[in-house]
Amino acid sequence: MADNKIPYKIYLTEDEIPKQWYNVRADMKNKPAPLLNPATLQPLTAEELSAVFCEELVQQELDETTAYIDIPEEIREYYKSYRPSPTIRAYGLEKALGTPAKIYYKFEGNNTSGSHKLNSAIAQAYYAKKQGLKGVTTETGAGQWGTALSMACAHFGLDCKVFMVKVSYEQKPFRREVMRTYGADVTPSPSMTTEIGRKILEEYPGTTGSLGCAISEAVEVATHNEGYRYVLGSVLSQVLLHQSVIGLEAKTALEKYGVKPDIVIGCAGGGSNLGGLISPFMGEKLRGENDYRIIAVEPASCPSFTRGVYAYDFCDTGMVCPLAKMYTLGHGFIPSANHAGGLRFHGMSSILSQLYADGLMEAISVEQTAVFEAAEQFARVEGILPAPESSHAIRAAIDEALKCKETGEEKTILFGLTGTGYFDMVAYEKFNDREMNDYIPTDEDLQKGFAGIPRFPGNMD
């Protein structure tokens, strides 16, 4: 179909919102390694997981064979308040770059939380309410997940306790206030309110925190208070399942106009956005129906894929969570405080880690000043102020488009725009004032994190 027939924004109808989530594990020949009980080193049972997570979410976490899982109607009804989200042709960016490449992006910022995180937050809150729980606990880094969860909990009348990474709590007060507006209790992490928080502060006085620290505190509170469960905004298989609505919608929208992407790009922190976007495309690749070049983009200051090790590690700094096999920098790794671009988790989704280990996707790391350069270029020609996290994908999409300019190839690129950056203006201010700098951990820095990874037969051999 001629380019001039493809609209700037491709919208789907409400009826085209997916009725089922897609579980990519069903099509994976090599399944992701199971979560392990750190005390016994045996795969966690549903009973053990149910002490931390909602019961139906446990079943989704453990299900590796059901390809499509029905989305409850109450969740689909809520989705209709902000979904389907548009798939947009980046005509302005293409023109600015002078590239023959065709660039599309799936925009997930058209809801109050400002990001894709609401796709899973509303699902997890629904299952918590259905189970009759009083409330949920969680962690948040940049704040998108905490904001989304506070909205979801307000909708279902649940209590919401959020532990926010201290450096983000201080740098992003407005994100914090949105959470509080929706009724969430927000605590900077690590804090003195939990046993684990006090222990971390004693060991790392003055620390600016990490997602690993915040996870430990949230899990402690959930397991020590009757009627509460812990919920997570990334990394876990259940989250990637819920986020598959992103890729399913994008694929349906592009197919309406006969468009097939050659390259699919997503930012990579814990894996929620990347996994959600690529899932249906990866499914076709796994089944041998189509081939795609899939690229994960992560920050050079927190390079789990590109410089981490593939091993079982704790998902949290306090070592109270299960062991997950993933690309990790070590649960004790704390990103530099000057890192403003998000994507701060020390590990990566077990699903994505297995796909990467099997050579089914690529990974690159980019420095944050280059990320913000791409963000500002995109904002000026596309009219959307992107979240710093998403801007990692924008950076890679621009670079791929410029390669097409050099070679004359007319490749089609799809990337995920996870949300907006209106609560990230301190980071933009630092970039505009030329106060932002790049931090790349040395091998020695990374070795400190690797040293803490659990040693047992078959792990870190």
Protein backbone atom coordinates (compact mmCIF):
# COMPACT_ATOMS: atom_id res chain seq x y z
CA MET A 1 0.00 0.00 0.00
CA ALA A 2 1.30 3.47 -0.88
CA ASP A 3 2.69 5.50 2.00
CA ASN A 4 0.20 8.32 1.42
CA LYS A 5 -2.62 5.88 2.21
CA ILE A 6 -1.25 5.09 5.66
CA PRO A 7 -2.64 7.53 8.25
CA TYR A 8 -0.50 9.35 10.77
CA LYS A 9 -2.30 7.51 13.57
CA ILE A 10 -3.70 4.02 13.15
CA TYR A 11 -6.56 3.49 15.56
CA LEU A 12 -8.38 0.27 16.33
CA THR A 13 -11.98 0.07 17.53
CA GLU A 14 -13.01 -0.92 21.05
CA ASP A 15 -14.05 -4.30 19.68
CA GLU A 16 -10.46 -4.83 18.51
CA ILE A 17 -8.99 -4.54 22.00
CA PRO A 18 -7.54 -8.03 22.58
CA LYS A 19 -9.89 -10.44 24.32
CA GLN A 20 -6.99 -12.66 25.31
CA TRP A 21 -3.42 -12.12 26.49
CA TYR A 22 -0.71 -13.99 24.61
CA ASN A 23 1.67 -16.20 26.59
CA VAL A 24 4.89 -16.42 24.55
CA ARG A 25 6.21 -19.23 26.77
CA ALA A 26 3.78 -21.63 25.10
CA ASP A 27 5.76 -21.30 21.85
CA MET A 28 9.24 -21.33 23.40
CA LYS A 29 11.16 -24.54 22.78
CA ASN A 30 13.46 -23.71 25.68
CA LYS A 31 11.24 -22.58 28.53
CA PRO A 32 12.53 -19.98 30.99
CA ALA A 33 14.11 -21.52 34.07
CA PRO A 34 11.73 -21.83 37.06
CA LEU A 35 11.85 -19.61 40.12
CA LEU A 36 13.72 -21.33 42.95
CA ASN A 37 13.19 -21.38 46.67
CA PRO A 38 16.49 -19.93 47.96
CA ALA A 39 16.42 -22.21 51.01
CA THR A 40 15.93 -25.49 49.16
CA LEU A 41 17.03 -24.54 45.61
CA GLN A 42 13.91 -26.35 44.37
CA PRO A 43 11.32 -24.86 41.99
CA LEU A 44 8.75 -22.85 43.89
CA THR A 45 5.33 -24.40 44.22
CA ALA A 46 2.02 -22.63 43.77
CA GLU A 47 1.46 -22.88 47.52
CA GLU A 48 4.77 -21.15 48.28
CA LEU A 49 4.14 -18.39 45.75
CA SER A 50 0.60 -17.82 47.07
CA ALA A 51 2.06 -16.52 50.31
CA VAL A 52 3.40 -13.53 48.34
CA PHE A 53 1.24 -13.20 45.21
CA CYS A 54 -2.48 -13.37 44.43
CA GLU A 55 -3.66 -16.91 43.71
CA GLU A 56 -4.78 -16.42 40.09
CA LEU A 57 -1.60 -14.49 39.33
CA VAL A 58 0.39 -17.44 40.66
CA GLN A 59 -1.36 -19.69 38.15
CA GLN A 60 -0.48 -17.26 35.34
CA GLU A 61 3.11 -17.12 36.57
CA LEU A 62 3.47 -20.90 36.39
CA ASP A 63 1.54 -21.52 33.15
CA GLU A 64 3.99 -22.32 30.35
CA THR A 65 1.63 -24.14 27.99
CA THR A 66 -1.54 -22.08 27.51
CA ALA A 67 -0.90 -19.78 24.55
CA TYR A 68 -3.91 -17.52 25.05
CA ILE A 69 -5.48 -16.59 28.37
CA ASP A 70 -8.87 -14.86 28.48
CA ILE A 71 -8.91 -11.26 29.71
CA PRO A 72 -11.73 -10.89 32.28
CA GLU A 73 -14.50 -8.62 31.03
CA GLU A 74 -14.11 -6.22 33.97
CA ILE A 75 -10.47 -5.63 32.95
CA ARG A 76 -11.43 -5.16 29.29
CA GLU A 77 -14.05 -2.61 30.33
CA TYR A 78 -11.39 -0.63 32.19
CA TYR A 79 -9.03 -0.97 29.22
CA LYS A 80 -11.66 0.81 27.13
CA SER A 81 -11.07 4.02 29.12
CA TYR A 82 -7.66 4.39 27.47
CA ARG A 83 -7.30 1.57 24.96
CA PRO A 84 -6.81 0.79 22.17
CA SER A 85 -3.75 3.01 22.03
CA PRO A 86 -2.59 4.38 18.66
CA THR A 87 0.14 3.01 16.45
CA ILE A 88 1.72 6.10 14.88
CA ARG A 89 3.72 6.60 11.70
CA ALA A 90 6.64 8.89 12.55
CA TYR A 91 6.45 10.94 9.37
CA GLY A 92 8.04 13.95 11.08
CA LEU A 93 11.01 11.94 12.33
CA GLU A 94 11.50 10.24 8.97
CA LYS A 95 11.60 13.62 7.24
CA ALA A 96 14.02 15.10 9.79
CA LEU A 97 16.37 12.15 9.39
CA GLY A 98 16.10 12.07 5.59
CA THR A 99 15.83 8.30 5.79
CA PRO A 100 14.13 5.85 3.44
CA ALA A 101 13.16 3.81 6.51
CA LYS A 102 9.55 3.74 7.60
CA ILE A 103 9.22 4.31 11.34
CA TYR A 104 6.22 3.42 13.50
CA TYR A 105 5.75 3.62 17.24
CA LYS A 106 3.16 2.21 19.60
CA PHE A 107 2.22 5.02 22.00
CA GLU A 108 1.22 3.97 25.52
CA GLY A 109 1.13 7.38 27.20
CA ASN A 110 -2.54 8.28 26.74
CA ASN A 111 -3.65 7.67 30.33
CA THR A 112 -3.13 9.54 33.60
CA SER A 113 -0.35 7.24 34.75
CA GLY A 114 1.55 8.32 31.63
CA SER A 115 2.74 4.85 30.71
CA HIS A 116 2.04 1.26 29.70
CA LYS A 117 2.18 0.11 33.32
CA LEU A 118 -1.58 0.46 33.77
CA ASN A 119 -2.10 -2.59 31.50
CA SER A 120 -0.82 -4.89 34.24
CA ALA A 121 -1.70 -2.76 37.27
CA ILE A 122 -5.43 -2.98 36.60
CA ALA A 123 -5.15 -6.74 36.06
CA GLN A 124 -3.24 -7.35 39.27
CA ALA A 125 -5.56 -5.10 41.30
CA TYR A 126 -8.57 -6.94 39.84
CA TYR A 127 -7.25 -10.31 40.97
CA ALA A 128 -6.42 -8.93 44.43
CA LYS A 129 -9.95 -7.57 44.80
CA LYS A 130 -11.44 -10.83 43.52
CA GLN A 131 -9.48 -12.70 46.19
CA GLY A 132 -10.93 -10.43 48.88
CA LEU A 133 -7.66 -8.82 49.90
CA LYS A 134 -7.41 -5.55 51.80
CA GLY A 135 -4.52 -4.14 49.83
CA VAL A 136 -1.25 -4.60 47.96
CA THR A 137 2.36 -3.47 48.32
CA THR A 138 4.88 -2.70 45.63
CA GLU A 139 8.04 -0.85 44.67
CA THR A 140 8.54 1.80 42.01
CA GLY A 141 11.60 3.38 40.43
CA ALA A 142 10.85 6.30 38.14
CA GLY A 143 7.27 6.16 39.40
CA GLN A 144 5.25 4.99 36.41
CA TRP A 145 4.37 1.66 38.01
CA GLY A 146 3.51 3.17 41.38
CA THR A 147 1.30 5.74 39.68
CA ALA A 148 -0.48 3.09 37.61
CA LEU A 149 -1.01 0.84 40.62
CA SER A 150 -2.38 3.69 42.73
CA MET A 151 -4.94 4.36 39.99
CA ALA A 152 -5.90 0.69 39.77
CA CYS A 153 -6.22 0.35 43.55
CA ALA A 154 -8.40 3.46 43.73
CA HIS A 155 -10.68 1.93 41.10
CA PHE A 156 -11.12 -1.29 43.08
CA GLY A 157 -11.05 0.25 46.57
CA LEU A 158 -7.78 -1.37 47.65
CA ASP A 159 -5.13 -0.02 50.00
CA CYS A 160 -1.86 0.67 48.16
CA LYS A 161 1.57 0.89 49.80
CA VAL A 162 4.41 2.00 47.52
CA PHE A 163 8.14 1.97 48.29
CA MET A 164 9.74 4.44 45.88
CA VAL A 165 13.49 4.39 45.15
CA LYS A 166 14.85 7.25 47.25
CA VAL A 167 16.65 9.09 44.46
CA SER A 168 13.46 9.07 42.36
CA TYR A 169 11.35 10.06 45.37
CA GLU A 170 13.52 13.16 45.70
CA GLN A 171 13.92 13.92 41.98
CA LYS A 172 10.28 13.34 40.99
CA PRO A 173 8.04 14.86 43.67
CA PHE A 174 5.13 15.34 41.27
CA ARG A 175 5.04 11.66 40.37
CA ARG A 176 4.96 10.95 44.09
CA GLU A 177 2.07 13.38 44.55
CA VAL A 178 0.02 11.77 41.80
CA MET A 179 0.28 8.48 43.71
CA ARG A 180 -0.81 10.18 46.92
CA THR A 181 -3.67 11.88 45.10
CA TYR A 182 -4.96 8.45 44.15
CA GLY A 183 -4.69 7.35 47.78
CA ALA A 184 -1.37 5.51 47.88
CA ASP A 185 0.99 5.60 50.86
CA VAL A 186 4.45 6.40 49.41
CA THR A 187 7.68 5.74 51.32
CA PRO A 188 11.23 6.54 50.10
CA SER A 189 13.34 3.38 50.00
CA PRO A 190 15.40 2.21 51.74
CA SER A 191 13.53 3.39 54.83
CA MET A 192 13.56 2.94 58.58
CA THR A 193 10.02 1.54 58.49
CA THR A 194 11.07 -2.06 57.75
CA GLU A 195 13.62 -4.43 59.19
CA ILE A 196 15.21 -4.93 55.78
CA GLY A 197 15.31 -1.17 55.13
CA ARG A 198 17.13 -0.56 58.39
CA LYS A 199 19.58 -3.35 57.58
CA ILE A 200 20.32 -1.92 54.13
CA LEU A 201 20.83 1.59 55.53
CA GLU A 202 23.23 0.21 58.11
CA GLU A 203 25.22 -1.59 55.42
CA TYR A 204 24.99 1.20 52.83
CA PRO A 205 24.67 4.48 54.78
CA GLY A 206 23.51 7.36 52.61
CA THR A 207 22.49 5.10 49.73
CA THR A 208 20.17 6.57 47.10
CA GLY A 209 18.39 3.24 46.84
CA SER A 210 17.57 0.79 44.10
CA LEU A 211 14.63 -1.24 42.89
CA GLY A 212 16.17 -4.22 44.61
CA CYS A 213 16.00 -2.41 47.96
CA ALA A 214 12.42 -1.26 47.39
CA ILE A 215 11.28 -4.75 46.40
CA SER A 216 12.67 -6.17 49.66
CA GLU A 217 10.74 -3.65 51.74
CA ALA A 218 7.49 -4.14 49.80
CA VAL A 219 7.68 -7.93 50.15
CA GLU A 220 8.38 -7.67 53.89
CA VAL A 221 5.32 -5.50 54.45
CA ALA A 222 3.10 -7.76 52.32
CA THR A 223 4.14 -10.93 54.12
CA HIS A 224 3.87 -9.38 57.59
CA ASN A 225 0.38 -7.91 57.20
CA GLU A 226 -2.76 -10.02 56.95
CA GLY A 227 -4.83 -9.39 53.84
CA TYR A 228 -1.99 -7.99 51.73
CA ARG A 229 -0.09 -9.37 48.78
CA TYR A 230 2.88 -8.10 46.81
CA VAL A 231 2.54 -7.03 43.17
CA LEU A 232 5.28 -6.24 40.68
CA GLY A 233 5.33 -4.00 37.61
CA SER A 234 7.95 -5.79 35.54
CA VAL A 235 10.24 -8.85 35.30
CA LEU A 236 7.67 -11.54 36.19
CA SER A 237 6.06 -13.69 33.51
CA GLN A 238 2.56 -12.65 34.57
CA VAL A 239 3.45 -9.00 33.85
CA LEU A 240 4.76 -9.74 30.36
CA LEU A 241 1.55 -11.69 29.77
CA HIS A 242 -0.64 -8.68 30.62
CA GLN A 243 1.55 -6.33 28.59
CA SER A 244 1.10 -8.45 25.46
CA VAL A 245 -1.89 -6.22 24.66
CA ILE A 246 0.70 -3.70 23.39
CA GLY A 247 2.16 -5.98 20.75
CA LEU A 248 -1.18 -7.57 19.85
CA GLU A 249 -2.73 -4.18 19.14
CA ALA A 250 0.33 -2.94 17.23
CA LYS A 251 0.40 -6.05 15.07
CA THR A 252 -3.32 -5.82 14.28
CA ALA A 253 -3.02 -2.12 13.41
CA LEU A 254 -0.08 -2.63 11.05
CA GLU A 255 -1.69 -5.63 9.37
CA LYS A 256 -4.68 -3.44 8.48
CA TYR A 257 -2.38 -1.61 6.08
CA GLY A 258 -0.27 -4.56 5.00
CA VAL A 259 2.74 -3.40 7.02
CA LYS A 260 5.26 -5.90 8.40
CA PRO A 261 8.12 -4.53 10.50
CA ASP A 262 11.65 -5.66 9.77
CA ILE A 263 12.94 -4.41 13.13
CA VAL A 264 11.12 -4.28 16.47
CA ILE A 265 12.79 -2.22 19.20
CA GLY A 266 11.99 -1.82 22.90
CA CYS A 267 13.63 -0.32 25.94
CA ALA A 268 14.75 -2.88 28.51
CA GLY A 269 14.78 -2.43 32.27
CA GLY A 270 13.01 -5.40 33.77
CA GLY A 271 11.23 -6.34 30.57
CA SER A 272 7.56 -5.30 30.82
CA ASN A 273 7.39 -2.95 27.83
CA LEU A 274 9.87 -4.84 25.67
CA GLY A 275 8.23 -8.19 26.40
CA GLY A 276 4.75 -6.84 25.79
CA LEU A 277 5.65 -5.24 22.47
CA ILE A 278 7.62 -8.11 20.98
CA SER A 279 5.54 -11.07 22.22
CA PRO A 280 3.30 -11.68 19.16
CA PHE A 281 6.17 -10.99 16.76
CA MET A 282 8.44 -13.32 18.72
CA GLY A 283 5.67 -15.91 18.67
CA GLU A 284 5.67 -15.88 14.87
CA LYS A 285 9.45 -16.13 14.89
CA LEU A 286 9.37 -19.08 17.28
CA ARG A 287 6.75 -20.86 15.17
CA GLY A 288 8.75 -20.25 11.97
CA GLU A 289 5.98 -18.14 10.41
CA ASN A 290 7.92 -14.88 10.05
CA ASP A 291 11.29 -13.46 10.93
CA TYR A 292 12.00 -10.20 12.69
CA ARG A 293 15.09 -8.50 14.01
CA ILE A 294 14.31 -7.74 17.65
CA ILE A 295 16.46 -5.30 19.62
CA ALA A 296 16.48 -4.66 23.37
CA VAL A 297 17.93 -1.27 24.37
CA GLU A 298 19.26 -0.74 27.88
CA PRO A 299 21.21 2.01 29.67
CA ALA A 300 25.00 1.80 29.66
CA SER A 301 24.91 2.56 33.38
CA CYS A 302 22.78 -0.51 34.17
CA PRO A 303 23.70 -3.01 31.41
CA SER A 304 22.09 -6.28 32.50
CA PHE A 305 21.92 -7.89 29.05
CA THR A 306 25.12 -6.61 27.53
CA ARG A 307 27.47 -6.92 30.51
CA GLY A 308 25.58 -9.04 33.04
CA VAL A 309 25.90 -12.75 33.69
CA TYR A 310 23.21 -15.34 33.02
CA ALA A 311 22.68 -16.96 36.40
CA TYR A 312 20.25 -17.50 39.24
CA ASP A 313 20.13 -14.41 41.44
CA PHE A 314 17.86 -12.75 43.96
CA CYS A 315 15.39 -10.26 42.51
CA ASP A 316 15.89 -8.01 45.52
CA THR A 317 18.73 -6.55 47.57
CA GLY A 318 17.42 -7.92 50.87
CA MET A 319 17.42 -11.51 49.54
CA VAL A 320 13.86 -12.31 50.61
CA CYS A 321 12.53 -12.98 47.10
CA PRO A 322 12.87 -16.16 45.02
CA LEU A 323 15.88 -16.84 42.86
CA ALA A 324 15.32 -16.13 39.17
CA LYS A 325 17.59 -17.19 36.33
CA MET A 326 18.26 -14.03 34.40
CA TYR A 327 20.88 -11.71 33.05
CA THR A 328 21.93 -9.91 36.19
CA LEU A 329 24.46 -7.43 37.53
CA GLY A 330 24.04 -8.88 41.01
CA HIS A 331 21.29 -8.08 43.49
CA GLY A 332 23.64 -5.75 45.36
CA PHE A 333 24.25 -3.56 42.31
CA ILE A 334 23.00 0.00 42.81
CA PRO A 335 23.03 2.29 39.75
CA SER A 336 24.83 5.60 39.94
CA ALA A 337 22.73 8.41 41.42
CA ASN A 338 23.44 10.52 38.34
CA HIS A 339 21.56 8.05 36.16
CA ALA A 340 18.32 9.86 35.29
CA GLY A 341 17.00 7.74 32.45
CA GLY A 342 15.16 5.01 34.38
CA LEU A 343 15.54 1.29 33.64
CA ARG A 344 17.38 0.81 36.91
CA PHE A 345 16.70 -2.85 37.77
CA HIS A 346 19.75 -5.08 38.24
CA GLY A 347 18.26 -8.03 36.36
CA MET A 348 16.01 -8.95 33.46
CA SER A 349 12.87 -10.98 32.83
CA SER A 350 13.54 -14.73 32.78
CA ILE A 351 11.53 -15.00 29.55
CA LEU A 352 13.58 -12.35 27.78
CA SER A 353 16.80 -13.71 29.26
CA GLN A 354 16.10 -17.14 27.79
CA LEU A 355 15.20 -15.66 24.38
CA TYR A 356 18.41 -13.63 24.42
CA ALA A 357 20.49 -16.62 25.48
CA ASP A 358 18.97 -18.57 22.58
CA GLY A 359 20.00 -15.87 20.09
CA LEU A 360 16.43 -14.91 19.21
CA MET A 361 16.95 -11.24 20.02
CA GLU A 362 19.75 -8.69 20.23
CA ALA A 363 20.69 -6.25 22.97
CA ILE A 364 22.57 -2.95 22.93
CA SER A 365 23.38 -0.37 25.59
CA VAL A 366 23.30 3.39 25.10
CA GLU A 367 24.57 6.33 27.14
CA GLN A 368 22.08 8.68 28.70
CA THR A 369 23.22 11.91 27.03
CA ALA A 370 22.68 10.25 23.65
CA VAL A 371 19.28 9.07 24.89
CA PHE A 372 18.18 12.59 25.83
CA GLU A 373 19.49 13.96 22.52
CA ALA A 374 17.18 11.50 20.78
CA ALA A 375 14.32 12.40 23.14
CA GLU A 376 14.55 16.09 22.32
CA GLN A 377 14.85 15.49 18.59
CA PHE A 378 11.78 13.27 18.73
CA ALA A 379 9.79 15.77 20.81
CA ARG A 380 10.50 18.58 18.36
CA VAL A 381 9.37 16.71 15.25
CA GLU A 382 6.69 14.37 16.63
CA GLY A 383 5.07 16.60 19.25
CA ILE A 384 5.25 14.10 22.13
CA LEU A 385 7.57 14.57 25.11
CA PRO A 386 8.81 10.99 25.61
CA ALA A 387 9.62 9.26 28.87
CA PRO A 388 13.38 8.81 29.33
CA GLU A 389 12.91 5.04 29.43
CA SER A 390 11.20 5.02 26.02
CA SER A 391 13.86 7.33 24.67
CA HIS A 392 16.36 4.47 24.78
CA ALA A 393 14.24 2.81 22.08
CA ILE A 394 13.98 6.11 20.19
CA ARG A 395 17.78 6.35 20.19
CA ALA A 396 18.11 2.90 18.66
CA ALA A 397 15.32 3.53 16.14
CA ILE A 398 17.04 6.73 14.97
CA ASP A 399 20.36 4.95 14.66
CA GLU A 400 18.80 2.13 12.61
CA ALA A 401 17.03 4.65 10.39
CA LEU A 402 20.31 6.48 9.78
CA LYS A 403 21.92 3.19 8.78
CA CYS A 404 19.13 2.85 6.20
CA LYS A 405 19.99 6.33 4.97
CA GLU A 406 23.58 5.22 4.41
CA THR A 407 22.67 1.98 2.65
CA GLY A 408 19.50 3.09 0.89
CA GLU A 409 17.52 0.21 2.42
CA GLU A 410 13.80 0.84 2.99
CA LYS A 411 13.38 -1.07 6.21
CA THR A 412 10.30 -0.79 8.41
CA ILE A 413 11.00 -0.08 12.09
CA LEU A 414 8.56 -0.42 15.00
CA PHE A 415 9.42 0.74 18.49
CA GLY A 416 7.58 1.08 21.78
CA LEU A 417 6.93 4.52 23.25
CA THR A 418 6.11 3.50 26.81
CA GLY A 419 4.79 6.87 27.89
CA THR A 420 5.30 10.57 28.44
CA GLY A 421 8.08 12.42 30.24
CA TYR A 422 6.19 15.24 31.94
CA PHE A 423 7.23 14.06 35.41
CA ASP A 424 10.86 13.74 34.33
CA MET A 425 11.61 17.40 33.82
CA VAL A 426 14.45 17.46 36.36
CA ALA A 427 16.29 15.05 34.07
CA TYR A 428 15.48 17.15 31.00
CA GLU A 429 16.61 20.25 32.91
CA LYS A 430 19.97 18.65 33.70
CA PHE A 431 20.39 17.72 30.05
CA ASN A 432 19.45 21.18 28.78
CA ASP A 433 21.74 22.86 31.31
CA ARG A 434 24.55 20.49 30.25
CA GLU A 435 24.84 19.16 33.78
CA MET A 436 24.08 15.60 32.73
CA ASN A 437 26.97 13.22 32.25
CA ASP A 438 27.40 9.60 31.35
CA TYR A 439 28.38 6.96 33.83
CA ILE A 440 29.52 3.57 32.64
CA PRO A 441 30.45 1.11 35.39
CA THR A 442 33.92 -0.33 35.16
CA ASP A 443 34.55 -4.06 35.12
CA GLU A 444 35.70 -3.67 38.70
CA ASP A 445 32.40 -1.99 39.63
CA LEU A 446 30.44 -4.82 38.08
CA GLN A 447 32.58 -7.47 39.74
CA LYS A 448 31.38 -6.24 43.13
CA GLY A 449 27.82 -7.06 42.13
CA PHE A 450 28.75 -10.40 40.59
CA ALA A 451 30.53 -11.40 43.80
CA GLY A 452 27.22 -11.46 45.64
CA ILE A 453 25.42 -13.79 43.23
CA PRO A 454 24.59 -17.08 45.01
CA ARG A 455 27.07 -19.89 44.44
CA PHE A 456 25.70 -23.40 44.18
CA PRO A 457 26.30 -26.29 41.76
CA GLY A 458 25.49 -25.24 38.22
CA ASN A 459 25.27 -21.52 39.04
CA MET A 460 28.16 -19.17 38.22
CA ASP A 461 30.39 -22.15 37.36
